[in-house]
Amino acid sequence: GLAAARRGTGSRGVPHRLNAEEHRLYELAKARGYAVLKGSGHRRERKGSPLLNVLRQRADALDECLVWCQQGVLTDHCCVDFSPRRLGRREEMP
């Protein structure tokens, strides 16, 4: 993207890449400790899932596992990403 017009604008605490609905889901996920997504969370106009990317960055910064549920039409899937914990050995897993 383009650089900011002035230095010092913006906040590192705000996930800027999320739209209003994704920001609402982000705040809910912070409060609950897990995220709930409709489908895979992917957007047509952007590559990947911005909400999951921001949540993964947050989990990485806090050294926590990332937990989310994907709500589908017929089935729901619950996922746990241990990679933000950077566990070296199997014995270290919770």
PDB file of N, CA and C in Angstrom:
ATOM      1  N   GLY A   1       0.798  -1.186   0.000  1.00  0.00           N
ATOM      2  CA  GLY A   1       0.000   0.000   0.000  1.00  0.00           C
ATOM      3  C   GLY A   1       0.842   1.251   0.000  1.00  0.00           C
ATOM      4  N   LEU A   2       0.178   2.347  -0.045  1.00  0.00           N
ATOM      5  CA  LEU A   2       0.850   3.636  -0.039  1.00  0.00           C
ATOM      6  C   LEU A   2       1.197   4.064   1.378  1.00  0.00           C
ATOM      7  N   ALA A   3       2.223   4.865   1.500  1.00  0.00           N
ATOM      8  CA  ALA A   3       2.645   5.381   2.789  1.00  0.00           C
ATOM      9  C   ALA A   3       1.631   6.402   3.298  1.00  0.00           C
ATOM     10  N   ALA A   4       1.597   6.601   4.615  1.00  0.00           N
ATOM     11  CA  ALA A   4       0.703   7.588   5.214  1.00  0.00           C
ATOM     12  C   ALA A   4       1.139   8.988   4.808  1.00  0.00           C
ATOM     13  N   ALA A   5       0.189   9.896   4.705  1.00  0.00           N
ATOM     14  CA  ALA A   5       0.498  11.275   4.328  1.00  0.00           C
ATOM     15  C   ALA A   5       1.375  11.947   5.385  1.00  0.00           C
ATOM     16  N   ARG A   6       1.135  11.634   6.651  1.00  0.00           N
ATOM     17  CA  ARG A   6       1.974  12.167   7.711  1.00  0.00           C
ATOM     18  C   ARG A   6       2.425  11.020   8.599  1.00  0.00           C
ATOM     19  N   ARG A   7       3.562  11.205   9.188  1.00  0.00           N
ATOM     20  CA  ARG A   7       4.084  10.204  10.115  1.00  0.00           C
ATOM     21  C   ARG A   7       3.328  10.266  11.434  1.00  0.00           C
ATOM     22  N   GLY A   8       3.223   9.132  12.098  1.00  0.00           N
ATOM     23  CA  GLY A   8       2.587   9.100  13.404  1.00  0.00           C
ATOM     24  C   GLY A   8       1.080   8.972  13.365  1.00  0.00           C
ATOM     25  N   THR A   9       0.492   8.761  12.178  1.00  0.00           N
ATOM     26  CA  THR A   9      -0.960   8.612  12.112  1.00  0.00           C
ATOM     27  C   THR A   9      -1.320   7.146  12.273  1.00  0.00           C
ATOM     28  N   GLY A  10      -2.498   6.894  12.797  1.00  0.00           N
ATOM     29  CA  GLY A  10      -2.946   5.518  12.980  1.00  0.00           C
ATOM     30  C   GLY A  10      -2.545   4.979  14.344  1.00  0.00           C
ATOM     31  N   SER A  11      -2.995   3.782  14.631  1.00  0.00           N
ATOM     32  CA  SER A  11      -2.720   3.147  15.916  1.00  0.00           C
ATOM     33  C   SER A  11      -2.407   1.687  15.681  1.00  0.00           C
ATOM     34  N   ARG A  12      -1.405   1.171  16.371  1.00  0.00           N
ATOM     35  CA  ARG A  12      -1.071  -0.245  16.228  1.00  0.00           C
ATOM     36  C   ARG A  12      -2.115  -1.130  16.887  1.00  0.00           C
ATOM     37  N   GLY A  13      -2.929  -0.579  17.745  1.00  0.00           N
ATOM     38  CA  GLY A  13      -3.953  -1.356  18.432  1.00  0.00           C
ATOM     39  C   GLY A  13      -5.210  -1.572  17.618  1.00  0.00           C
ATOM     40  N   VAL A  14      -5.326  -0.931  16.468  1.00  0.00           N
ATOM     41  CA  VAL A  14      -6.532  -1.028  15.646  1.00  0.00           C
ATOM     42  C   VAL A  14      -6.220  -1.831  14.389  1.00  0.00           C
ATOM     43  N   PRO A  15      -6.971  -2.905  14.144  1.00  0.00           N
ATOM     44  CA  PRO A  15      -6.759  -3.661  12.908  1.00  0.00           C
ATOM     45  C   PRO A  15      -7.353  -2.912  11.709  1.00  0.00           C
ATOM     46  N   HIS A  16      -6.549  -2.177  11.000  1.00  0.00           N
ATOM     47  CA  HIS A  16      -7.018  -1.289   9.940  1.00  0.00           C
ATOM     48  C   HIS A  16      -7.575  -1.999   8.712  1.00  0.00           C
ATOM     49  N   ARG A  17      -7.187  -3.223   8.499  1.00  0.00           N
ATOM     50  CA  ARG A  17      -7.567  -3.889   7.266  1.00  0.00           C
ATOM     51  C   ARG A  17      -8.946  -4.526   7.297  1.00  0.00           C
ATOM     52  N   LEU A  18      -9.655  -4.431   8.384  1.00  0.00           N
ATOM     53  CA  LEU A  18     -10.949  -5.080   8.514  1.00  0.00           C
ATOM     54  C   LEU A  18     -12.087  -4.126   8.162  1.00  0.00           C
ATOM     55  N   ASN A  19     -13.125  -4.681   7.514  1.00  0.00           N
ATOM     56  CA  ASN A  19     -14.312  -3.862   7.277  1.00  0.00           C
ATOM     57  C   ASN A  19     -15.144  -3.832   8.562  1.00  0.00           C
ATOM     58  N   ALA A  20     -16.260  -3.150   8.551  1.00  0.00           N
ATOM     59  CA  ALA A  20     -17.046  -2.939   9.779  1.00  0.00           C
ATOM     60  C   ALA A  20     -17.533  -4.257  10.378  1.00  0.00           C
ATOM     61  N   GLU A  21     -18.016  -5.166   9.560  1.00  0.00           N
ATOM     62  CA  GLU A  21     -18.516  -6.457  10.057  1.00  0.00           C
ATOM     63  C   GLU A  21     -17.375  -7.287  10.631  1.00  0.00           C
ATOM     64  N   GLU A  22     -16.246  -7.303   9.938  1.00  0.00           N
ATOM     65  CA  GLU A  22     -15.094  -8.060  10.427  1.00  0.00           C
ATOM     66  C   GLU A  22     -14.557  -7.460  11.724  1.00  0.00           C
ATOM     67  N   HIS A  23     -14.596  -6.139  11.832  1.00  0.00           N
ATOM     68  CA  HIS A  23     -14.143  -5.492  13.066  1.00  0.00           C
ATOM     69  C   HIS A  23     -15.050  -5.876  14.239  1.00  0.00           C
ATOM     70  N   ARG A  24     -16.343  -5.954  13.997  1.00  0.00           N
ATOM     71  CA  ARG A  24     -17.293  -6.381  15.037  1.00  0.00           C
ATOM     72  C   ARG A  24     -16.988  -7.816  15.473  1.00  0.00           C
ATOM     73  N   LEU A  25     -16.728  -8.697  14.501  1.00  0.00           N
ATOM     74  CA  LEU A  25     -16.389 -10.082  14.808  1.00  0.00           C
ATOM     75  C   LEU A  25     -15.047 -10.181  15.539  1.00  0.00           C
ATOM     76  N   TYR A  26     -14.118  -9.303  15.199  1.00  0.00           N
ATOM     77  CA  TYR A  26     -12.818  -9.260  15.864  1.00  0.00           C
ATOM     78  C   TYR A  26     -12.990  -8.918  17.343  1.00  0.00           C
ATOM     79  N   GLU A  27     -13.801  -7.916  17.635  1.00  0.00           N
ATOM     80  CA  GLU A  27     -14.040  -7.519  19.024  1.00  0.00           C
ATOM     81  C   GLU A  27     -14.730  -8.636  19.806  1.00  0.00           C
ATOM     82  N   LEU A  28     -15.688  -9.326  19.160  1.00  0.00           N
ATOM     83  CA  LEU A  28     -16.351 -10.457  19.814  1.00  0.00           C
ATOM     84  C   LEU A  28     -15.357 -11.578  20.095  1.00  0.00           C
ATOM     85  N   ALA A  29     -14.474 -11.853  19.129  1.00  0.00           N
ATOM     86  CA  ALA A  29     -13.475 -12.912  19.292  1.00  0.00           C
ATOM     87  C   ALA A  29     -12.522 -12.587  20.440  1.00  0.00           C
ATOM     88  N   LYS A  30     -12.138 -11.330  20.570  1.00  0.00           N
ATOM     89  CA  LYS A  30     -11.271 -10.926  21.684  1.00  0.00           C
ATOM     90  C   LYS A  30     -11.963 -11.189  23.023  1.00  0.00           C
ATOM     91  N   ALA A  31     -13.242 -10.850  23.109  1.00  0.00           N
ATOM     92  CA  ALA A  31     -13.985 -11.018  24.356  1.00  0.00           C
ATOM     93  C   ALA A  31     -14.218 -12.493  24.684  1.00  0.00           C
ATOM     94  N   ARG A  32     -14.541 -13.298  23.667  1.00  0.00           N
ATOM     95  CA  ARG A  32     -14.858 -14.710  23.876  1.00  0.00           C
ATOM     96  C   ARG A  32     -13.620 -15.594  24.023  1.00  0.00           C
ATOM     97  N   GLY A  33     -12.560 -15.228  23.305  1.00  0.00           N
ATOM     98  CA  GLY A  33     -11.378 -16.074  23.268  1.00  0.00           C
ATOM     99  C   GLY A  33     -11.349 -16.994  22.066  1.00  0.00           C
ATOM    100  N   TYR A  34     -12.357 -16.915  21.222  1.00  0.00           N
ATOM    101  CA  TYR A  34     -12.420 -17.678  19.978  1.00  0.00           C
ATOM    102  C   TYR A  34     -13.276 -16.913  18.975  1.00  0.00           C
ATOM    103  N   ALA A  35     -13.092 -17.230  17.698  1.00  0.00           N
ATOM    104  CA  ALA A  35     -13.833 -16.533  16.640  1.00  0.00           C
ATOM    105  C   ALA A  35     -14.872 -17.456  16.016  1.00  0.00           C
ATOM    106  N   VAL A  36     -15.948 -16.880  15.520  1.00  0.00           N
ATOM    107  CA  VAL A  36     -16.969 -17.615  14.784  1.00  0.00           C
ATOM    108  C   VAL A  36     -17.082 -16.965  13.416  1.00  0.00           C
ATOM    109  N   LEU A  37     -16.861 -17.762  12.356  1.00  0.00           N
ATOM    110  CA  LEU A  37     -16.886 -17.257  10.984  1.00  0.00           C
ATOM    111  C   LEU A  37     -17.988 -17.924  10.190  1.00  0.00           C
ATOM    112  N   LYS A  38     -18.578 -17.191   9.291  1.00  0.00           N
ATOM    113  CA  LYS A  38     -19.509 -17.773   8.335  1.00  0.00           C
ATOM    114  C   LYS A  38     -18.671 -18.347   7.191  1.00  0.00           C
ATOM    115  N   GLY A  39     -18.733 -19.629   6.993  1.00  0.00           N
ATOM    116  CA  GLY A  39     -17.898 -20.259   5.961  1.00  0.00           C
ATOM    117  C   GLY A  39     -16.437 -20.181   6.350  1.00  0.00           C
ATOM    118  N   SER A  40     -15.581 -19.923   5.374  1.00  0.00           N
ATOM    119  CA  SER A  40     -14.139 -19.888   5.630  1.00  0.00           C
ATOM    120  C   SER A  40     -13.647 -18.494   6.001  1.00  0.00           C
ATOM    121  N   GLY A  41     -14.495 -17.484   5.882  1.00  0.00           N
ATOM    122  CA  GLY A  41     -14.089 -16.122   6.212  1.00  0.00           C
ATOM    123  C   GLY A  41     -13.386 -15.405   5.075  1.00  0.00           C
ATOM    124  N   HIS A  42     -13.277 -16.058   3.911  1.00  0.00           N
ATOM    125  CA  HIS A  42     -12.589 -15.432   2.773  1.00  0.00           C
ATOM    126  C   HIS A  42     -13.472 -14.375   2.130  1.00  0.00           C
ATOM    127  N   ARG A  43     -12.828 -13.316   1.637  1.00  0.00           N
ATOM    128  CA  ARG A  43     -13.517 -12.253   0.905  1.00  0.00           C
ATOM    129  C   ARG A  43     -13.172 -12.352  -0.570  1.00  0.00           C
ATOM    130  N   ARG A  44     -14.117 -12.071  -1.418  1.00  0.00           N
ATOM    131  CA  ARG A  44     -13.861 -12.134  -2.866  1.00  0.00           C
ATOM    132  C   ARG A  44     -12.856 -11.086  -3.320  1.00  0.00           C
ATOM    133  N   GLU A  45     -12.996  -9.874  -2.780  1.00  0.00           N
ATOM    134  CA  GLU A  45     -12.161  -8.775  -3.262  1.00  0.00           C
ATOM    135  C   GLU A  45     -10.750  -8.797  -2.693  1.00  0.00           C
ATOM    136  N   ARG A  46     -10.490  -9.664  -1.705  1.00  0.00           N
ATOM    137  CA  ARG A  46      -9.157  -9.747  -1.109  1.00  0.00           C
ATOM    138  C   ARG A  46      -8.712 -11.185  -1.041  1.00  0.00           C
ATOM    139  N   LYS A  47      -7.422 -11.358  -1.113  1.00  0.00           N
ATOM    140  CA  LYS A  47      -6.866 -12.703  -1.015  1.00  0.00           C
ATOM    141  C   LYS A  47      -6.886 -13.161   0.443  1.00  0.00           C
ATOM    142  N   GLY A  48      -7.390 -14.347   0.698  1.00  0.00           N
ATOM    143  CA  GLY A  48      -7.374 -14.900   2.035  1.00  0.00           C
ATOM    144  C   GLY A  48      -8.463 -14.358   2.936  1.00  0.00           C
ATOM    145  N   SER A  49      -8.274 -14.544   4.215  1.00  0.00           N
ATOM    146  CA  SER A  49      -9.234 -14.104   5.216  1.00  0.00           C
ATOM    147  C   SER A  49      -8.593 -13.049   6.110  1.00  0.00           C
ATOM    148  N   PRO A  50      -8.924 -11.776   5.907  1.00  0.00           N
ATOM    149  CA  PRO A  50      -8.320 -10.722   6.719  1.00  0.00           C
ATOM    150  C   PRO A  50      -8.575 -10.904   8.212  1.00  0.00           C
ATOM    151  N   LEU A  51      -9.773 -11.348   8.585  1.00  0.00           N
ATOM    152  CA  LEU A  51     -10.093 -11.524   9.998  1.00  0.00           C
ATOM    153  C   LEU A  51      -9.201 -12.591  10.628  1.00  0.00           C
ATOM    154  N   LEU A  52      -9.058 -13.725   9.972  1.00  0.00           N
ATOM    155  CA  LEU A  52      -8.191 -14.774  10.516  1.00  0.00           C
ATOM    156  C   LEU A  52      -6.735 -14.323  10.560  1.00  0.00           C
ATOM    157  N   ASN A  53      -6.301 -13.570   9.564  1.00  0.00           N
ATOM    158  CA  ASN A  53      -4.924 -13.073   9.561  1.00  0.00           C
ATOM    159  C   ASN A  53      -4.665 -12.153  10.755  1.00  0.00           C
ATOM    160  N   VAL A  54      -5.595 -11.243  11.029  1.00  0.00           N
ATOM    161  CA  VAL A  54      -5.432 -10.319  12.152  1.00  0.00           C
ATOM    162  C   VAL A  54      -5.496 -11.086  13.473  1.00  0.00           C
ATOM    163  N   LEU A  55      -6.402 -12.056  13.567  1.00  0.00           N
ATOM    164  CA  LEU A  55      -6.488 -12.852  14.788  1.00  0.00           C
ATOM    165  C   LEU A  55      -5.236 -13.699  14.995  1.00  0.00           C
ATOM    166  N   ARG A  56      -4.660 -14.204  13.913  1.00  0.00           N
ATOM    167  CA  ARG A  56      -3.427 -14.987  14.020  1.00  0.00           C
ATOM    168  C   ARG A  56      -2.268 -14.101  14.477  1.00  0.00           C
ATOM    169  N   GLN A  57      -2.206 -12.874  13.967  1.00  0.00           N
ATOM    170  CA  GLN A  57      -1.176 -11.936  14.410  1.00  0.00           C
ATOM    171  C   GLN A  57      -1.342 -11.612  15.891  1.00  0.00           C
ATOM    172  N   ARG A  58      -2.581 -11.448  16.345  1.00  0.00           N
ATOM    173  CA  ARG A  58      -2.847 -11.173  17.754  1.00  0.00           C
ATOM    174  C   ARG A  58      -2.441 -12.362  18.618  1.00  0.00           C
ATOM    175  N   ALA A  59      -2.816 -13.570  18.186  1.00  0.00           N
ATOM    176  CA  ALA A  59      -2.451 -14.774  18.936  1.00  0.00           C
ATOM    177  C   ALA A  59      -0.934 -14.926  19.007  1.00  0.00           C
ATOM    178  N   ASP A  60      -0.263 -14.586  17.918  1.00  0.00           N
ATOM    179  CA  ASP A  60       1.197 -14.661  17.889  1.00  0.00           C
ATOM    180  C   ASP A  60       1.802 -13.677  18.884  1.00  0.00           C
ATOM    181  N   ALA A  61       1.273 -12.467  18.937  1.00  0.00           N
ATOM    182  CA  ALA A  61       1.794 -11.451  19.852  1.00  0.00           C
ATOM    183  C   ALA A  61       1.548 -11.826  21.309  1.00  0.00           C
ATOM    184  N   LEU A  62       0.419 -12.496  21.578  1.00  0.00           N
ATOM    185  CA  LEU A  62       0.072 -12.875  22.947  1.00  0.00           C
ATOM    186  C   LEU A  62       0.561 -14.270  23.317  1.00  0.00           C
ATOM    187  N   ASP A  63       1.189 -14.974  22.369  1.00  0.00           N
ATOM    188  CA  ASP A  63       1.677 -16.341  22.577  1.00  0.00           C
ATOM    189  C   ASP A  63       0.530 -17.257  23.000  1.00  0.00           C
ATOM    190  N   GLU A  64      -0.566 -17.202  22.235  1.00  0.00           N
ATOM    191  CA  GLU A  64      -1.750 -18.016  22.503  1.00  0.00           C
ATOM    192  C   GLU A  64      -2.095 -18.850  21.278  1.00  0.00           C
ATOM    193  N   CYS A  65      -2.820 -19.929  21.494  1.00  0.00           N
ATOM    194  CA  CYS A  65      -3.363 -20.707  20.385  1.00  0.00           C
ATOM    195  C   CYS A  65      -4.540 -19.929  19.791  1.00  0.00           C
ATOM    196  N   LEU A  66      -4.760 -20.099  18.498  1.00  0.00           N
ATOM    197  CA  LEU A  66      -5.888 -19.449  17.839  1.00  0.00           C
ATOM    198  C   LEU A  66      -6.995 -20.480  17.659  1.00  0.00           C
ATOM    199  N   VAL A  67      -8.191 -20.169  18.144  1.00  0.00           N
ATOM    200  CA  VAL A  67      -9.336 -21.068  18.057  1.00  0.00           C
ATOM    201  C   VAL A  67     -10.443 -20.351  17.297  1.00  0.00           C
ATOM    202  N   TRP A  68     -11.023 -21.042  16.296  1.00  0.00           N
ATOM    203  CA  TRP A  68     -12.148 -20.470  15.570  1.00  0.00           C
ATOM    204  C   TRP A  68     -13.073 -21.567  15.079  1.00  0.00           C
ATOM    205  N   CYS A  69     -14.329 -21.199  14.834  1.00  0.00           N
ATOM    206  CA  CYS A  69     -15.339 -22.113  14.314  1.00  0.00           C
ATOM    207  C   CYS A  69     -15.818 -21.585  12.974  1.00  0.00           C
ATOM    208  N   GLN A  70     -15.874 -22.478  11.993  1.00  0.00           N
ATOM    209  CA  GLN A  70     -16.384 -22.129  10.671  1.00  0.00           C
ATOM    210  C   GLN A  70     -17.791 -22.698  10.549  1.00  0.00           C
ATOM    211  N   GLN A  71     -18.771 -21.814  10.454  1.00  0.00           N
ATOM    212  CA  GLN A  71     -20.157 -22.251  10.332  1.00  0.00           C
ATOM    213  C   GLN A  71     -20.496 -22.468   8.868  1.00  0.00           C
ATOM    214  N   GLY A  72     -20.846 -23.683   8.534  1.00  0.00           N
ATOM    215  CA  GLY A  72     -21.210 -24.017   7.165  1.00  0.00           C
ATOM    216  C   GLY A  72     -22.705 -24.225   7.040  1.00  0.00           C
ATOM    217  N   VAL A  73     -23.133 -24.570   5.832  1.00  0.00           N
ATOM    218  CA  VAL A  73     -24.553 -24.808   5.589  1.00  0.00           C
ATOM    219  C   VAL A  73     -24.988 -26.117   6.243  1.00  0.00           C
ATOM    220  N   LEU A  74     -24.197 -27.168   6.047  1.00  0.00           N
ATOM    221  CA  LEU A  74     -24.550 -28.477   6.586  1.00  0.00           C
ATOM    222  C   LEU A  74     -23.781 -28.842   7.848  1.00  0.00           C
ATOM    223  N   THR A  75     -22.530 -28.421   7.933  1.00  0.00           N
ATOM    224  CA  THR A  75     -21.705 -28.783   9.079  1.00  0.00           C
ATOM    225  C   THR A  75     -20.900 -27.582   9.568  1.00  0.00           C
ATOM    226  N   ASP A  76     -20.488 -27.657  10.802  1.00  0.00           N
ATOM    227  CA  ASP A  76     -19.599 -26.654  11.388  1.00  0.00           C
ATOM    228  C   ASP A  76     -18.264 -27.321  11.693  1.00  0.00           C
ATOM    229  N   HIS A  77     -17.188 -26.564  11.597  1.00  0.00           N
ATOM    230  CA  HIS A  77     -15.853 -27.080  11.889  1.00  0.00           C
ATOM    231  C   HIS A  77     -15.206 -26.184  12.933  1.00  0.00           C
ATOM    232  N   CYS A  78     -14.628 -26.796  13.945  1.00  0.00           N
ATOM    233  CA  CYS A  78     -13.853 -26.056  14.934  1.00  0.00           C
ATOM    234  C   CYS A  78     -12.379 -26.307  14.663  1.00  0.00           C
ATOM    235  N   CYS A  79     -11.598 -25.254  14.658  1.00  0.00           N
ATOM    236  CA  CYS A  79     -10.183 -25.339  14.314  1.00  0.00           C
ATOM    237  C   CYS A  79      -9.340 -24.735  15.427  1.00  0.00           C
ATOM    238  N   VAL A  80      -8.166 -25.335  15.637  1.00  0.00           N
ATOM    239  CA  VAL A  80      -7.200 -24.819  16.605  1.00  0.00           C
ATOM    240  C   VAL A  80      -5.863 -24.729  15.902  1.00  0.00           C
ATOM    241  N   ASP A  81      -5.261 -23.553  15.941  1.00  0.00           N
ATOM    242  CA  ASP A  81      -3.955 -23.326  15.337  1.00  0.00           C
ATOM    243  C   ASP A  81      -2.936 -23.174  16.467  1.00  0.00           C
ATOM    244  N   PHE A  82      -2.048 -24.163  16.591  1.00  0.00           N
ATOM    245  CA  PHE A  82      -1.028 -24.138  17.638  1.00  0.00           C
ATOM    246  C   PHE A  82       0.223 -23.378  17.212  1.00  0.00           C
ATOM    247  N   SER A  83       0.336 -23.025  15.937  1.00  0.00           N
ATOM    248  CA  SER A  83       1.571 -22.428  15.431  1.00  0.00           C
ATOM    249  C   SER A  83       1.963 -21.115  16.124  1.00  0.00           C
ATOM    250  N   PRO A  84       1.034 -20.257  16.573  1.00  0.00           N
ATOM    251  CA  PRO A  84       1.484 -19.048  17.273  1.00  0.00           C
ATOM    252  C   PRO A  84       2.249 -19.345  18.565  1.00  0.00           C
ATOM    253  N   ARG A  85       2.049 -20.525  19.139  1.00  0.00           N
ATOM    254  CA  ARG A  85       2.747 -20.886  20.378  1.00  0.00           C
ATOM    255  C   ARG A  85       4.200 -21.254  20.118  1.00  0.00           C
ATOM    256  N   ARG A  86       4.531 -21.632  18.874  1.00  0.00           N
ATOM    257  CA  ARG A  86       5.892 -22.031  18.501  1.00  0.00           C
ATOM    258  C   ARG A  86       6.427 -23.115  19.435  1.00  0.00           C
ATOM    259  N   LEU A  87       5.636 -24.154  19.578  1.00  0.00           N
ATOM    260  CA  LEU A  87       6.026 -25.256  20.445  1.00  0.00           C
ATOM    261  C   LEU A  87       7.077 -26.112  19.773  1.00  0.00           C
ATOM    262  N   GLY A  88       8.111 -26.430  20.495  1.00  0.00           N
ATOM    263  CA  GLY A  88       9.212 -27.195  19.931  1.00  0.00           C
ATOM    264  C   GLY A  88       9.027 -28.690  20.046  1.00  0.00           C
ATOM    265  N   ARG A  89       8.472 -29.133  21.173  1.00  0.00           N
ATOM    266  CA  ARG A  89       8.344 -30.563  21.403  1.00  0.00           C
ATOM    267  C   ARG A  89       6.891 -30.907  21.694  1.00  0.00           C
ATOM    268  N   ARG A  90       6.555 -32.160  21.469  1.00  0.00           N
ATOM    269  CA  ARG A  90       5.204 -32.635  21.680  1.00  0.00           C
ATOM    270  C   ARG A  90       4.787 -32.500  23.160  1.00  0.00           C
ATOM    271  N   GLU A  91       5.730 -32.675  24.079  1.00  0.00           N
ATOM    272  CA  GLU A  91       5.426 -32.587  25.499  1.00  0.00           C
ATOM    273  C   GLU A  91       4.996 -31.181  25.920  1.00  0.00           C
ATOM    274  N   GLU A  92       5.361 -30.165  25.134  1.00  0.00           N
ATOM    275  CA  GLU A  92       5.023 -28.784  25.479  1.00  0.00           C
ATOM    276  C   GLU A  92       3.578 -28.416  25.142  1.00  0.00           C
ATOM    277  N   MET A  93       2.910 -29.260  24.358  1.00  0.00           N
ATOM    278  CA  MET A  93       1.539 -28.945  23.946  1.00  0.00           C
ATOM    279  C   MET A  93       0.603 -29.032  25.134  1.00  0.00           C
ATOM    280  N   PRO A  94      -0.372 -28.113  25.183  1.00  0.00           N
ATOM    281  CA  PRO A  94      -1.324 -28.117  26.315  1.00  0.00           C
ATOM    282  C   PRO A  94      -2.245 -29.316  26.261  1.00  0.00           C
TER     283      PRO A  94
END
